[in-house]
N, C-alpha and C. Protein backbone atom coordinates (compact mmCIF):
# COMPACT_ATOMS: atom_id res chain seq x y z
N MET A 1 -0.23 -3.67 35.94
CA MET A 1 0.71 -3.53 34.87
C MET A 1 0.56 -2.13 34.28
N LEU A 2 1.68 -1.51 33.98
CA LEU A 2 1.70 -0.17 33.43
C LEU A 2 2.19 -0.24 32.00
N THR A 3 1.44 0.36 31.09
CA THR A 3 1.84 0.42 29.69
C THR A 3 2.04 1.87 29.32
N VAL A 4 3.19 2.17 28.75
CA VAL A 4 3.51 3.54 28.35
C VAL A 4 3.47 3.61 26.83
N VAL A 5 2.72 4.56 26.31
CA VAL A 5 2.65 4.78 24.88
C VAL A 5 3.26 6.14 24.59
N THR A 6 4.22 6.15 23.68
CA THR A 6 4.84 7.42 23.33
C THR A 6 4.37 7.86 21.96
N ASP A 7 4.37 9.13 21.75
CA ASP A 7 3.98 9.70 20.46
C ASP A 7 5.23 10.26 19.82
N ASP A 8 5.66 9.65 18.71
CA ASP A 8 6.88 10.11 18.05
C ASP A 8 6.63 11.28 17.11
N GLY A 9 5.39 11.74 17.05
CA GLY A 9 5.07 12.89 16.22
C GLY A 9 4.80 12.55 14.77
N LYS A 10 4.97 11.29 14.39
CA LYS A 10 4.73 10.88 13.01
C LYS A 10 3.29 10.40 12.87
N PRO A 11 2.68 10.64 11.70
CA PRO A 11 1.33 10.12 11.51
C PRO A 11 1.39 8.60 11.44
N PRO A 12 0.31 7.92 11.82
CA PRO A 12 0.31 6.46 11.77
C PRO A 12 0.48 5.98 10.33
N ALA A 13 1.12 4.83 10.17
CA ALA A 13 1.34 4.27 8.84
C ALA A 13 0.00 3.96 8.17
N LYS A 14 -0.11 4.31 6.90
CA LYS A 14 -1.31 4.00 6.14
C LYS A 14 -1.08 2.69 5.40
N VAL A 15 -2.04 1.79 5.47
CA VAL A 15 -1.93 0.53 4.75
C VAL A 15 -2.35 0.73 3.30
N ALA A 16 -2.10 -0.26 2.47
CA ALA A 16 -2.34 -0.15 1.03
C ALA A 16 -3.78 0.22 0.73
N ARG A 17 -4.75 -0.32 1.46
CA ARG A 17 -6.16 -0.03 1.13
C ARG A 17 -6.51 1.44 1.32
N ASP A 18 -5.65 2.20 2.02
CA ASP A 18 -5.87 3.64 2.20
C ASP A 18 -5.16 4.46 1.13
N ALA A 19 -4.37 3.79 0.27
CA ALA A 19 -3.59 4.49 -0.75
C ALA A 19 -4.48 4.99 -1.88
N VAL A 20 -4.03 6.04 -2.53
CA VAL A 20 -4.72 6.60 -3.70
C VAL A 20 -3.75 6.58 -4.87
N VAL A 21 -4.28 6.77 -6.07
CA VAL A 21 -3.45 6.80 -7.27
C VAL A 21 -2.36 7.86 -7.09
N GLY A 22 -1.12 7.46 -7.38
CA GLY A 22 0.03 8.36 -7.21
C GLY A 22 0.82 8.09 -5.96
N ASP A 23 0.22 7.40 -4.96
CA ASP A 23 0.95 7.04 -3.75
C ASP A 23 1.94 5.93 -4.05
N CYS A 24 2.97 5.83 -3.23
CA CYS A 24 3.94 4.74 -3.34
C CYS A 24 3.83 3.86 -2.10
N LEU A 25 4.22 2.59 -2.29
CA LEU A 25 4.07 1.59 -1.24
C LEU A 25 5.38 0.88 -0.97
N GLU A 26 5.61 0.59 0.29
CA GLU A 26 6.74 -0.23 0.73
C GLU A 26 6.21 -1.60 1.12
N ASN A 27 6.85 -2.65 0.65
CA ASN A 27 6.47 -4.01 1.03
C ASN A 27 7.30 -4.42 2.24
N ARG A 28 6.65 -4.54 3.39
CA ARG A 28 7.33 -4.95 4.61
C ARG A 28 7.16 -6.45 4.86
N GLY A 29 6.53 -7.13 3.92
CA GLY A 29 6.37 -8.58 4.00
C GLY A 29 7.25 -9.24 2.98
N THR A 30 6.72 -10.25 2.30
CA THR A 30 7.45 -10.96 1.26
C THR A 30 6.67 -10.84 -0.04
N ASP A 31 7.26 -11.30 -1.15
CA ASP A 31 6.54 -11.29 -2.42
C ASP A 31 5.30 -12.19 -2.34
N ALA A 32 5.43 -13.33 -1.66
CA ALA A 32 4.31 -14.26 -1.54
C ALA A 32 3.25 -13.78 -0.56
N ASP A 33 3.65 -13.01 0.44
CA ASP A 33 2.73 -12.52 1.47
C ASP A 33 3.06 -11.05 1.75
N PRO A 34 2.71 -10.15 0.81
CA PRO A 34 3.07 -8.74 0.97
C PRO A 34 2.31 -8.05 2.11
N VAL A 35 3.00 -7.14 2.76
CA VAL A 35 2.41 -6.26 3.77
C VAL A 35 2.80 -4.86 3.33
N LEU A 36 1.86 -4.14 2.73
CA LEU A 36 2.17 -2.87 2.07
C LEU A 36 1.72 -1.67 2.89
N PHE A 37 2.62 -0.68 2.97
CA PHE A 37 2.33 0.58 3.65
C PHE A 37 2.72 1.73 2.72
N THR A 38 2.00 2.85 2.82
CA THR A 38 2.32 4.01 1.99
C THR A 38 3.59 4.69 2.51
N VAL A 39 4.41 5.12 1.56
CA VAL A 39 5.62 5.89 1.85
C VAL A 39 5.75 6.94 0.77
N GLY A 40 6.60 7.91 0.98
CA GLY A 40 6.85 8.91 -0.05
C GLY A 40 7.51 8.27 -1.26
N CYS A 41 7.18 8.73 -2.44
CA CYS A 41 7.73 8.14 -3.66
C CYS A 41 9.22 8.38 -3.80
N SER A 42 9.76 9.39 -3.13
CA SER A 42 11.21 9.63 -3.18
C SER A 42 11.95 8.80 -2.14
N ASP A 43 11.21 8.12 -1.27
CA ASP A 43 11.82 7.28 -0.23
C ASP A 43 12.47 6.05 -0.88
N ALA A 44 13.68 5.73 -0.48
CA ALA A 44 14.39 4.58 -1.02
C ALA A 44 13.67 3.26 -0.73
N LYS A 45 12.76 3.27 0.24
CA LYS A 45 12.01 2.06 0.60
C LYS A 45 10.80 1.84 -0.30
N ALA A 46 10.47 2.81 -1.15
CA ALA A 46 9.30 2.67 -2.03
C ALA A 46 9.54 1.54 -3.03
N ASP A 47 8.64 0.57 -3.03
CA ASP A 47 8.73 -0.59 -3.93
C ASP A 47 7.79 -0.48 -5.11
N TYR A 48 6.60 0.10 -4.90
CA TYR A 48 5.57 0.16 -5.93
C TYR A 48 4.90 1.53 -5.94
N LYS A 49 4.36 1.89 -7.10
CA LYS A 49 3.55 3.10 -7.22
C LYS A 49 2.15 2.68 -7.65
N VAL A 50 1.13 3.27 -7.02
CA VAL A 50 -0.27 2.97 -7.35
C VAL A 50 -0.62 3.71 -8.64
N MET A 51 -0.99 2.96 -9.67
CA MET A 51 -1.32 3.54 -10.96
C MET A 51 -2.83 3.62 -11.19
N ILE A 52 -3.57 2.62 -10.70
CA ILE A 52 -5.02 2.55 -10.89
C ILE A 52 -5.65 1.96 -9.64
N ASN A 53 -6.77 2.51 -9.21
CA ASN A 53 -7.58 1.86 -8.18
C ASN A 53 -8.64 1.08 -8.95
N ALA A 54 -8.50 -0.25 -8.95
CA ALA A 54 -9.39 -1.12 -9.73
C ALA A 54 -10.45 -1.78 -8.86
N THR A 55 -10.73 -1.21 -7.71
CA THR A 55 -11.69 -1.81 -6.79
C THR A 55 -13.03 -2.06 -7.45
N ARG A 56 -13.53 -1.14 -8.22
CA ARG A 56 -14.84 -1.30 -8.86
C ARG A 56 -14.79 -2.21 -10.07
N ARG A 57 -13.61 -2.27 -10.72
CA ARG A 57 -13.44 -3.14 -11.90
C ARG A 57 -13.13 -4.57 -11.48
N GLY A 58 -12.45 -4.70 -10.33
CA GLY A 58 -12.13 -6.02 -9.81
C GLY A 58 -10.84 -6.63 -10.32
N ALA A 59 -10.23 -6.06 -11.36
CA ALA A 59 -8.98 -6.61 -11.89
C ALA A 59 -8.17 -5.51 -12.55
N CYS A 60 -6.87 -5.75 -12.64
CA CYS A 60 -5.96 -4.80 -13.27
C CYS A 60 -5.63 -5.24 -14.68
N PRO A 61 -5.27 -4.28 -15.56
CA PRO A 61 -4.76 -4.65 -16.87
C PRO A 61 -3.49 -5.50 -16.69
N PRO A 62 -3.17 -6.36 -17.64
CA PRO A 62 -2.07 -7.31 -17.47
C PRO A 62 -0.68 -6.69 -17.29
N GLU A 63 -0.49 -5.45 -17.69
CA GLU A 63 0.84 -4.84 -17.55
C GLU A 63 1.16 -4.38 -16.12
N PHE A 64 0.21 -4.49 -15.21
CA PHE A 64 0.41 -4.06 -13.83
C PHE A 64 0.44 -5.23 -12.87
N ASP A 65 1.15 -5.06 -11.74
CA ASP A 65 1.04 -5.98 -10.62
C ASP A 65 -0.26 -5.64 -9.91
N GLU A 66 -0.90 -6.63 -9.33
CA GLU A 66 -2.18 -6.42 -8.66
C GLU A 66 -2.06 -6.74 -7.18
N CYS A 67 -2.64 -5.87 -6.37
CA CYS A 67 -2.68 -6.07 -4.92
C CYS A 67 -4.13 -5.94 -4.48
N THR A 68 -4.65 -6.98 -3.83
CA THR A 68 -6.01 -6.93 -3.31
C THR A 68 -5.94 -7.11 -1.80
N GLU A 69 -6.50 -6.17 -1.07
CA GLU A 69 -6.56 -6.24 0.39
C GLU A 69 -8.01 -6.36 0.81
N ARG A 70 -8.25 -7.25 1.74
CA ARG A 70 -9.59 -7.44 2.28
C ARG A 70 -9.70 -6.74 3.63
N GLY A 71 -10.89 -6.32 3.96
CA GLY A 71 -11.09 -5.68 5.25
C GLY A 71 -11.23 -4.18 5.12
N GLY A 72 -11.28 -3.53 6.25
CA GLY A 72 -11.47 -2.08 6.24
C GLY A 72 -12.94 -1.74 6.12
N ARG A 73 -13.24 -0.49 6.23
CA ARG A 73 -14.64 -0.07 6.22
C ARG A 73 -15.30 -0.19 4.85
N LEU A 74 -14.50 -0.23 3.79
CA LEU A 74 -15.06 -0.31 2.45
C LEU A 74 -15.02 -1.72 1.86
N GLY A 75 -14.52 -2.69 2.62
CA GLY A 75 -14.44 -4.05 2.11
C GLY A 75 -13.13 -4.30 1.38
N GLU A 76 -13.22 -4.90 0.20
CA GLU A 76 -12.04 -5.28 -0.58
C GLU A 76 -11.53 -4.12 -1.44
N THR A 77 -10.21 -3.96 -1.49
CA THR A 77 -9.58 -2.92 -2.30
C THR A 77 -8.59 -3.58 -3.26
N THR A 78 -8.68 -3.24 -4.55
CA THR A 78 -7.75 -3.75 -5.55
C THR A 78 -6.99 -2.59 -6.16
N LEU A 79 -5.65 -2.66 -6.08
CA LEU A 79 -4.79 -1.62 -6.62
C LEU A 79 -3.90 -2.20 -7.71
N CYS A 80 -3.69 -1.42 -8.77
CA CYS A 80 -2.80 -1.79 -9.87
C CYS A 80 -1.49 -1.04 -9.64
N LEU A 81 -0.40 -1.79 -9.58
CA LEU A 81 0.89 -1.24 -9.18
C LEU A 81 1.94 -1.43 -10.26
N THR A 82 2.90 -0.52 -10.24
CA THR A 82 4.09 -0.65 -11.09
C THR A 82 5.31 -0.52 -10.17
N PRO A 83 6.37 -1.27 -10.44
CA PRO A 83 7.56 -1.17 -9.58
C PRO A 83 8.18 0.22 -9.67
N VAL A 84 8.74 0.67 -8.55
CA VAL A 84 9.45 1.94 -8.49
C VAL A 84 10.92 1.66 -8.81
N ARG A 85 11.46 2.39 -9.74
CA ARG A 85 12.88 2.25 -10.11
C ARG A 85 13.65 3.37 -9.44
N HIS A 86 14.64 3.01 -8.66
CA HIS A 86 15.44 4.01 -7.93
C HIS A 86 16.73 4.28 -8.67
């Protein structure tokens, strides 16, 4: 079997646990089961902006949406998000 892999020249998608404060995220899943990837904040697909990395605190202030991802080299990541208004 032959498998061909092409390189479209774009960097690989970064998942939410790789995001930093100021990055924006696109939800490619559902509200109940989000699958978040970083995108440019000016991108129409941007759903959320990362306001706080609460990984060490473990929780976000109540005014933010909270996203916790498990896995990766650092373990669990908790991000505090605000919706992006287009």
